[in-house]
Protein backbone atom coordinates (compact mmCIF):
# COMPACT_ATOMS: atom_id res chain seq x y z
CA MET A 1 124.43 51.33 88.38
CA THR A 2 127.36 51.87 86.96
CA PRO A 3 129.96 53.55 89.65
CA SER A 4 130.20 56.49 87.26
CA ASP A 5 126.20 56.49 88.19
CA SER A 6 126.86 56.12 91.80
CA GLN A 7 129.12 58.84 92.39
CA THR A 8 126.74 61.57 90.00
CA GLY A 9 123.51 60.50 92.62
CA MET A 10 122.22 58.08 90.31
CA ARG A 11 122.78 60.50 87.26
CA GLY A 12 119.94 63.06 88.82
CA TRP A 13 116.74 60.50 89.28
CA VAL A 14 115.41 60.12 92.74
CA THR A 15 115.30 57.05 94.80
CA PRO A 16 111.72 55.71 94.00
CA GLY A 17 110.00 55.98 97.66
CA SER A 18 112.22 59.61 98.67
CA GLU A 19 110.08 62.18 96.74
CA ILE A 20 108.68 64.67 99.20
CA GLY A 21 105.85 67.05 98.84
CA VAL A 22 105.89 69.39 102.02
CA VAL A 23 105.62 72.76 99.75
CA SER A 24 103.17 71.69 97.20
CA GLY A 25 100.90 69.83 100.38
CA PHE A 26 100.97 73.45 102.28
CA VAL A 27 99.49 75.82 99.54
CA LEU A 28 97.35 73.11 98.91
CA LYS A 29 96.37 73.27 101.96
CA MET A 30 96.71 77.38 101.84
CA ILE A 31 94.24 77.38 98.88
CA ARG A 32 91.80 74.96 100.70
CA GLY A 33 91.71 77.65 103.41
CA SER A 34 90.92 80.13 101.19
CA VAL A 35 87.77 78.92 100.08
CA THR A 36 87.28 77.91 103.68
CA LEU A 37 86.79 74.54 103.19
CA THR A 38 87.76 71.50 105.48
CA GLN A 39 89.45 68.65 103.66
CA ALA A 40 86.30 66.46 104.15
CA ASP A 41 84.73 69.29 102.12
CA LEU A 42 87.42 68.91 99.55
CA ALA A 43 87.60 65.40 99.11
CA GLU A 44 84.00 65.21 98.42
CA ARG A 45 84.20 68.10 95.83
CA LEU A 46 87.11 66.71 94.17
CA CYS A 47 85.58 62.87 94.53
CA VAL A 48 88.87 61.40 96.73
CA ASP A 49 89.09 59.66 99.87
CA ILE A 50 89.72 62.38 102.51
CA SER A 51 92.97 59.91 102.94
CA THR A 52 93.59 61.40 99.89
CA VAL A 53 93.52 64.81 100.56
CA GLN A 54 95.50 64.32 103.64
CA GLY A 55 98.03 62.64 101.99
CA TRP A 56 98.56 65.69 99.59
CA GLU A 57 98.68 68.16 102.23
CA THR A 58 101.23 66.43 104.88
CA GLY A 59 102.99 65.76 101.62
CA LYS A 60 102.73 62.26 101.96
CA ARG A 61 101.14 61.57 98.96
CA PRO A 62 103.43 64.10 97.32
CA LEU A 63 101.66 66.45 94.31
CA THR A 64 104.53 65.56 92.36
CA ALA A 65 103.70 62.30 92.28
CA LEU A 66 100.57 63.34 89.91
CA ARG A 67 100.26 62.76 86.12
CA ALA A 68 100.52 66.36 84.75
CA ALA A 69 96.80 65.95 83.34
CA ASP A 70 95.66 65.17 86.92
CA LEU A 71 97.41 68.06 88.18
CA LEU A 72 96.25 70.26 85.67
CA ARG A 73 92.66 69.00 86.55
CA LEU A 74 93.41 69.63 90.23
CA LYS A 75 94.37 73.39 89.43
CA THR A 76 91.15 73.84 87.47
CA ARG A 77 88.66 72.43 90.19
CA LEU A 78 90.25 74.81 92.77
CA ILE A 79 89.62 77.49 90.42
CA THR A 80 85.79 76.04 90.15
CA LEU A 81 85.88 76.04 93.73
CA GLY A 82 86.65 79.66 94.23
CA ALA A 83 90.29 80.15 94.43
CA ALA A 84 91.96 82.94 93.03
CA PRO A 85 93.59 82.02 89.67
CA SER A 86 97.04 84.04 90.72
CA VAL A 87 97.02 81.84 93.61
CA VAL A 88 96.60 78.56 92.27
CA VAL A 89 99.00 78.91 89.61
CA THR A 90 102.15 79.11 92.61
CA LEU A 91 101.16 75.63 93.03
CA GLN A 92 103.42 74.88 89.50
CA ASP A 93 105.93 76.47 91.60
CA ALA A 94 105.29 74.80 94.48
CA VAL A 95 105.60 71.01 92.91
CA GLU A 96 108.63 72.21 90.71
CA ALA A 97 110.03 73.41 94.66
CA ASP A 98 109.20 70.02 95.99
CA GLY A 99 111.08 68.08 92.97
CA ILE A 100 114.52 70.21 93.54
CA LEU A 101 114.34 69.54 97.19
CA SER A 102 113.49 65.87 96.67
CA MET A 103 116.63 65.44 94.36
CA ALA A 104 118.63 67.40 96.57
CA ILE A 105 118.16 65.08 99.56
CA SER A 106 118.22 61.82 98.07
CA ALA A 107 121.45 62.80 96.54
CA GLY A 108 122.82 64.24 99.57
CA ASP A 109 126.17 64.87 99.63
CA ARG A 110 126.63 63.27 96.31
CA PRO A 111 126.72 65.42 93.15
CA VAL A 112 124.60 65.08 90.54
CA GLY A 113 125.05 64.93 86.67
CA ALA A 114 124.73 68.22 85.57
CA ASP A 115 122.50 67.45 82.73
CA MET A 116 120.18 65.80 84.95
CA ASN A 117 120.52 67.94 87.88
CA PRO A 118 117.08 70.26 88.02
CA LEU A 119 119.13 73.32 89.82
CA GLY A 120 120.63 74.09 86.32
CA ALA A 121 117.63 73.23 84.23
CA ALA A 122 116.78 77.24 83.52
CA VAL A 123 117.73 80.35 84.92
CA HIS A 124 115.05 80.44 88.38
CA ARG A 125 112.94 83.17 88.95
CA ARG A 126 112.00 84.67 92.51
CA SER A 127 108.78 83.13 92.33
CA LEU A 128 110.27 79.57 92.24
CA VAL A 129 113.17 80.18 94.55
CA ASN A 130 111.10 81.91 97.17
CA MET A 131 109.05 78.23 97.42
CA ILE A 132 112.44 76.55 97.91
CA THR A 133 113.70 78.74 100.65
CA TRP A 134 110.16 78.61 102.08
CA PRO A 135 110.78 75.83 104.92
CA PHE A 136 114.29 77.42 105.75
CA THR A 137 113.18 81.26 105.96
CA GLY A 138 109.83 81.03 107.01
CA ILE A 139 109.01 83.97 104.44
CA SER A 140 106.17 82.94 102.30
CA PRO A 141 105.68 83.64 98.81
CA LEU A 142 103.67 87.01 97.91
CA PRO A 143 100.69 85.73 96.40
CA LEU A 144 99.89 83.52 99.76
CA ARG A 145 100.90 85.66 102.32
CA GLU A 146 97.06 86.79 102.50
CA LEU A 147 95.56 83.86 102.73
CA SER A 148 93.27 82.60 105.71
CA GLN A 149 94.96 79.58 107.35
CA ALA A 150 93.17 76.15 106.22
CA PRO A 151 90.37 75.21 108.96
CA GLY A 152 91.61 72.19 111.14
CA ARG A 153 92.04 70.82 114.81
CA GLY A 154 95.53 71.65 116.83
CA PRO A 155 98.12 73.67 116.29
CA VAL A 156 99.05 75.21 112.68
CA ALA A 157 101.95 75.21 110.85
CA LYS A 158 103.25 78.56 109.77
CA ARG A 159 105.32 77.23 106.88
CA PRO A 160 106.49 74.03 105.12
CA THR A 161 108.72 71.87 107.75
CA LEU A 162 111.58 69.60 107.05
CA ALA A 163 113.47 67.22 108.86
CA HIS A 164 116.74 68.45 110.40
CA THR A 165 118.33 65.84 108.55
CA ASP A 166 116.54 66.57 105.66
CA GLN A 167 117.38 69.87 105.80
CA THR A 168 121.29 68.68 106.45
CA ARG A 169 121.25 66.57 103.44
CA PHE A 170 120.00 69.14 101.08
CA PHE A 171 122.58 71.89 101.83
CA ASP A 172 125.56 68.71 101.72
CA HIS A 173 124.02 68.61 98.23
CA LEU A 174 124.22 72.22 97.39
CA LEU A 175 128.29 71.97 98.93
CA ALA A 176 128.97 68.76 96.72
CA THR A 177 127.81 70.54 93.59
CA VAL A 178 129.83 73.66 94.01
CA GLY A 179 132.13 72.02 94.72
CA ASN A 180 132.42 69.29 91.93
CA ARG A 181 134.58 69.93 88.96
CA ASP A 182 131.22 68.77 86.26
CA ALA A 183 129.58 71.85 87.93
CA VAL A 184 131.79 74.04 85.51
CA CYS A 185 130.33 72.75 82.72
CA SER A 186 126.97 74.41 83.41
CA PRO A 187 127.63 77.65 85.32
CA VAL A 188 123.71 78.01 85.92
CA LEU A 189 123.82 74.91 87.78
CA ARG A 190 126.62 76.24 90.56
CA ARG A 191 125.47 79.76 90.38
CA GLN A 192 121.91 78.43 91.46
CA ALA A 193 123.31 75.82 93.68
CA MET A 194 125.63 78.70 95.09
CA TYR A 195 122.94 81.46 95.92
CA LEU A 196 120.77 78.55 97.80
CA LEU A 197 123.97 78.06 100.08
CA GLY A 198 123.47 81.07 101.43
CA PHE A 199 120.29 79.79 103.06
CA ASP A 200 122.29 77.32 105.12
CA HIS A 201 123.76 78.34 108.37
CA ARG A 202 126.13 76.61 108.88
CA PRO A 203 129.88 77.45 109.27
CA THR A 204 131.40 75.22 106.49
CA SER A 205 128.95 76.95 103.77
CA THR A 206 129.97 80.64 105.28
CA GLN A 207 133.79 79.64 104.74
CA TRP A 208 132.97 78.25 101.30
CA LEU A 209 131.54 81.03 100.02
CA ALA A 210 134.13 83.45 101.70
CA ALA A 211 136.70 81.55 99.84
CA GLU A 212 134.47 81.54 96.70
CA HIS A 213 134.81 85.74 97.09
CA GLU A 214 138.41 85.62 97.69
CA ARG A 215 138.96 83.81 94.37
CA ALA A 216 136.76 86.45 92.57
CA PHE A 217 138.39 88.78 94.07
CA LYS A 218 141.60 88.15 92.76
CA VAL A 219 140.52 87.71 89.24
CA ALA A 220 138.51 90.79 87.96
CA THR A 221 135.32 90.02 86.05
CA PRO A 222 136.06 90.62 82.36
CA THR A 223 133.00 93.49 81.29
CA THR A 224 132.71 90.77 78.30
CA ASP A 225 131.66 87.53 80.88
CA LEU A 226 128.24 88.79 81.86
CA PRO A 227 127.55 85.78 83.12
CA GLY A 228 130.67 85.88 85.47
CA GLY A 229 129.34 88.97 86.74
CA ILE A 230 125.78 87.22 87.71
CA ALA A 231 127.64 84.48 89.26
CA ALA A 232 129.41 86.85 91.26
CA ARG A 233 126.32 89.05 92.28
CA SER A 234 124.99 85.47 93.90
CA ALA A 235 128.07 84.58 96.18
CA THR A 236 128.17 88.30 97.40
CA LEU A 237 124.32 87.89 98.02
CA ALA A 238 124.78 84.60 99.91
CA LEU A 239 127.76 85.97 102.05
CA ALA A 240 125.42 89.27 102.78
CA ARG A 241 122.44 86.94 103.88
CA ARG A 242 125.54 85.78 106.49
CA GLY A 243 125.90 88.83 107.89
CA ASP A 244 128.73 90.06 105.64
CA SER A 245 128.03 92.80 103.40
CA GLU A 246 131.75 93.93 102.24
CA PRO A 247 132.19 91.50 99.94
CA LEU A 248 128.48 93.18 98.11
CA ARG A 249 129.48 96.43 98.21
CA HIS A 250 133.33 95.72 96.85
CA PHE A 251 131.34 93.81 93.70
CA ILE A 252 129.04 97.10 93.30
CA LYS A 253 132.33 99.37 93.38
CA THR A 254 133.90 97.50 91.19
CA THR A 255 131.55 94.93 88.76
CA LEU A 256 128.82 97.25 88.71
CA SER A 257 130.90 100.08 87.61
CA SER A 258 130.91 98.79 84.44
CA GLU A 259 128.48 99.74 82.17
CA GLN A 260 127.99 96.01 81.00
CA HIS A 261 127.98 94.42 84.00
CA ALA A 262 125.28 97.18 85.37
CA ALA A 263 123.07 96.77 82.59
CA ALA A 264 123.43 92.73 82.82
CA ASN A 265 122.42 93.27 86.25
CA LEU A 266 119.26 95.19 85.67
CA ALA A 267 118.11 92.74 83.11
CA TYR A 268 118.74 89.89 85.21
CA TRP A 269 116.15 92.01 88.10
CA ALA A 270 113.45 92.20 85.02
CA TYR A 271 114.15 88.44 84.57
CA TRP A 272 113.83 87.29 88.17
CA LEU A 273 111.00 89.63 88.95
CA GLY A 274 109.09 88.62 85.22
CA GLU A 275 109.41 91.67 83.41
CA ILE A 276 111.05 89.77 80.80
CA ASN A 277 108.83 86.77 80.13
CA GLU A 278 110.81 84.46 78.24
CA LEU A 279 112.15 81.59 80.25
CA TYR A 280 116.15 81.09 79.81
CA ALA A 281 118.40 77.91 80.24
CA ASP A 282 121.46 79.86 81.10
CA ASP A 283 122.56 83.22 81.70
CA THR A 284 123.82 83.95 78.57
CA TYR A 285 120.51 85.45 77.75
CA LEU A 286 122.22 88.48 79.45
CA ILE A 287 124.24 89.50 76.36
CA ALA A 288 121.22 90.35 74.63
CA ALA A 289 118.81 91.10 77.48
CA ALA A 290 121.27 93.82 78.37
CA ASP A 291 120.44 96.25 74.98
CA ASP A 292 117.02 94.87 75.50
CA HIS A 293 114.10 97.90 75.51
CA THR A 294 111.23 96.35 75.25
CA TRP A 295 110.80 95.77 79.46
CA SER A 296 109.14 99.01 81.11
CA GLY A 297 111.37 98.87 84.60
CA SER A 298 108.17 99.48 86.23
CA ARG A 299 108.22 96.52 87.79
CA VAL A 300 111.50 96.15 88.78
CA ALA A 301 111.01 99.54 90.40
CA THR A 302 108.44 98.78 92.09
CA HIS A 303 110.09 95.68 93.53
CA LEU A 304 113.44 97.97 94.60
CA LEU A 305 111.46 100.69 95.99
CA ALA A 306 109.93 98.69 98.06
CA HIS A 307 113.17 97.13 99.43
CA LEU A 308 115.26 100.12 99.26
CA ASP A 309 116.09 99.93 103.35
CA ASN A 310 116.42 96.20 103.14
CA PRO A 311 119.11 95.47 106.03
CA VAL A 312 120.89 92.98 103.81
CA HIS A 313 120.14 93.69 100.23
CA SER A 314 119.98 97.32 100.58
CA PRO A 315 123.16 99.06 98.89
CA ILE A 316 122.52 96.46 95.80
CA ASN A 317 118.88 97.50 95.28
CA ILE A 318 119.90 101.79 95.98
CA ASN A 319 122.60 101.02 93.21
CA SER A 320 120.23 98.68 90.66
CA MET A 321 117.53 101.65 91.46
CA TRP A 322 119.87 104.51 90.54
CA THR A 323 120.98 102.73 87.37
CA LEU A 324 117.85 101.97 86.36
CA VAL A 325 116.52 105.64 86.28
CA LEU A 326 119.94 106.31 84.38
CA ALA A 327 119.18 103.52 81.71
CA LYS A 328 115.54 104.41 81.46
CA PRO A 329 115.10 107.94 81.90
CA ASP A 330 111.41 108.65 81.27
CA LEU A 331 110.32 105.95 83.83
CA LEU A 332 110.31 108.44 86.65
CA LYS A 333 108.47 111.52 83.92
CA ARG A 334 106.00 108.58 83.04
CA HIS A 335 104.57 107.61 86.37
CA HIS A 336 103.62 109.61 88.72
CA ASN A 337 103.08 107.13 91.32
CA LEU A 338 106.10 105.84 90.96
CA ARG A 339 107.92 109.20 91.09
CA ALA A 340 105.95 110.22 94.78
CA GLN A 341 106.89 106.35 95.94
CA THR A 342 110.29 107.03 94.97
CA GLN A 343 110.37 110.46 96.55
CA LYS A 344 108.69 109.13 99.97
CA ARG A 345 111.19 105.65 99.76
CA VAL A 346 114.34 108.19 99.22
CA GLU A 347 114.08 110.31 101.93
CA GLN A 348 113.16 107.15 104.59
CA ALA A 349 116.38 105.93 103.30
CA LEU A 350 118.12 108.77 103.59
CA ASP A 351 117.35 108.91 107.26
CA ALA A 352 118.59 105.66 107.69
CA GLY A 353 122.16 106.95 107.90
CA PHE A 354 123.43 105.18 104.86
CA THR A 355 126.94 106.72 104.11
CA GLY A 356 129.62 106.18 101.48
CA GLN A 357 128.42 105.42 97.51
CA THR A 358 124.77 104.11 98.86
CA ARG A 359 124.29 107.89 99.94
CA ASP A 360 125.51 109.77 97.27
CA GLU A 361 123.05 107.18 94.80
CA LEU A 362 120.60 108.09 96.99
CA ILE A 363 120.89 111.60 97.12
CA ASN A 364 121.30 111.43 92.70
CA LEU A 365 117.72 109.69 93.07
CA ARG A 366 116.45 112.69 94.85
CA CYS A 367 117.79 114.70 92.38
CA ALA A 368 115.94 112.46 89.67
CA VAL A 369 112.83 112.71 91.41
CA GLN A 370 113.14 117.18 91.47
CA LEU A 371 114.16 116.79 87.70
CA ALA A 372 111.09 114.84 86.67
CA ASP A 373 108.85 117.27 88.33
CA ARG A 374 109.55 120.04 85.98
């Protein structure tokens, strides 16, 4: 190994034997529970030893180590055993999440070359990020929330678990990544590491995020720098998750007051939630997607309305819902159920006592519903 390889964390490769499989193993366990099979039952139907199933579910034999063909066969067999395809498909995100966790934990406080770090390989969607953060938040990905627990003995874990030392090494790697000069060459890597850093409760991470916002505050994001606006969005959301909502409000008042950045924000929502189907390698897609009118906005609206009173994200959710209605004026008129849901959620949010710009936007939404009813 060359010195440069050592400094960049083995050029991104996970150290042999360091793979973890806690997320995909937990998902497999939940899928097994959904078809009411024991580990022995599943092992018999898959024609493998029970220790193999146990190893998969505990992460001691990570599903990340399976060949692609074998993983495909496993998913196919789970569906034929009665598991819902919409649930089985989440295994792919779970395996990818384990790969990212494994890389970061293996590297620890050493940055990994931008060309080899999976955090920068593509723009993440909500489905993947929810898998990555599940061990830290305890919030299970949406498709899995209604699944029953798998049959077993003793206390039942509610989430995938990582050892404290592994959690520390994961967040140490994120700090090393956002502070690495090479990350400048991969803005999406730095931005996505920054967003995940918001789930770290250590003061060092909070201080770094606050300093990043202060730096961005001093240098206004040009209206032509749409990826820069999304990077600022990630930083302010990370701070809001830590209890400091003022940077997010400032971002909305300044950056999102630009028509171009407001359009890019909506495009990012559409991508994040899967209304824009194509997978992108970096945030430059926003330049084209911001002018793309092929996505309807209904999925984005449904998500925003469900989280309109979210204590952390409500300012940007309300702002995004208002700009979405402005950008797609026929949205409420064409969808009666969405219009009724908007009216209900807006009234609930107004009762919550929002003030300033956020309240003004709620009142505007109320007027938009009334106009759409005519």
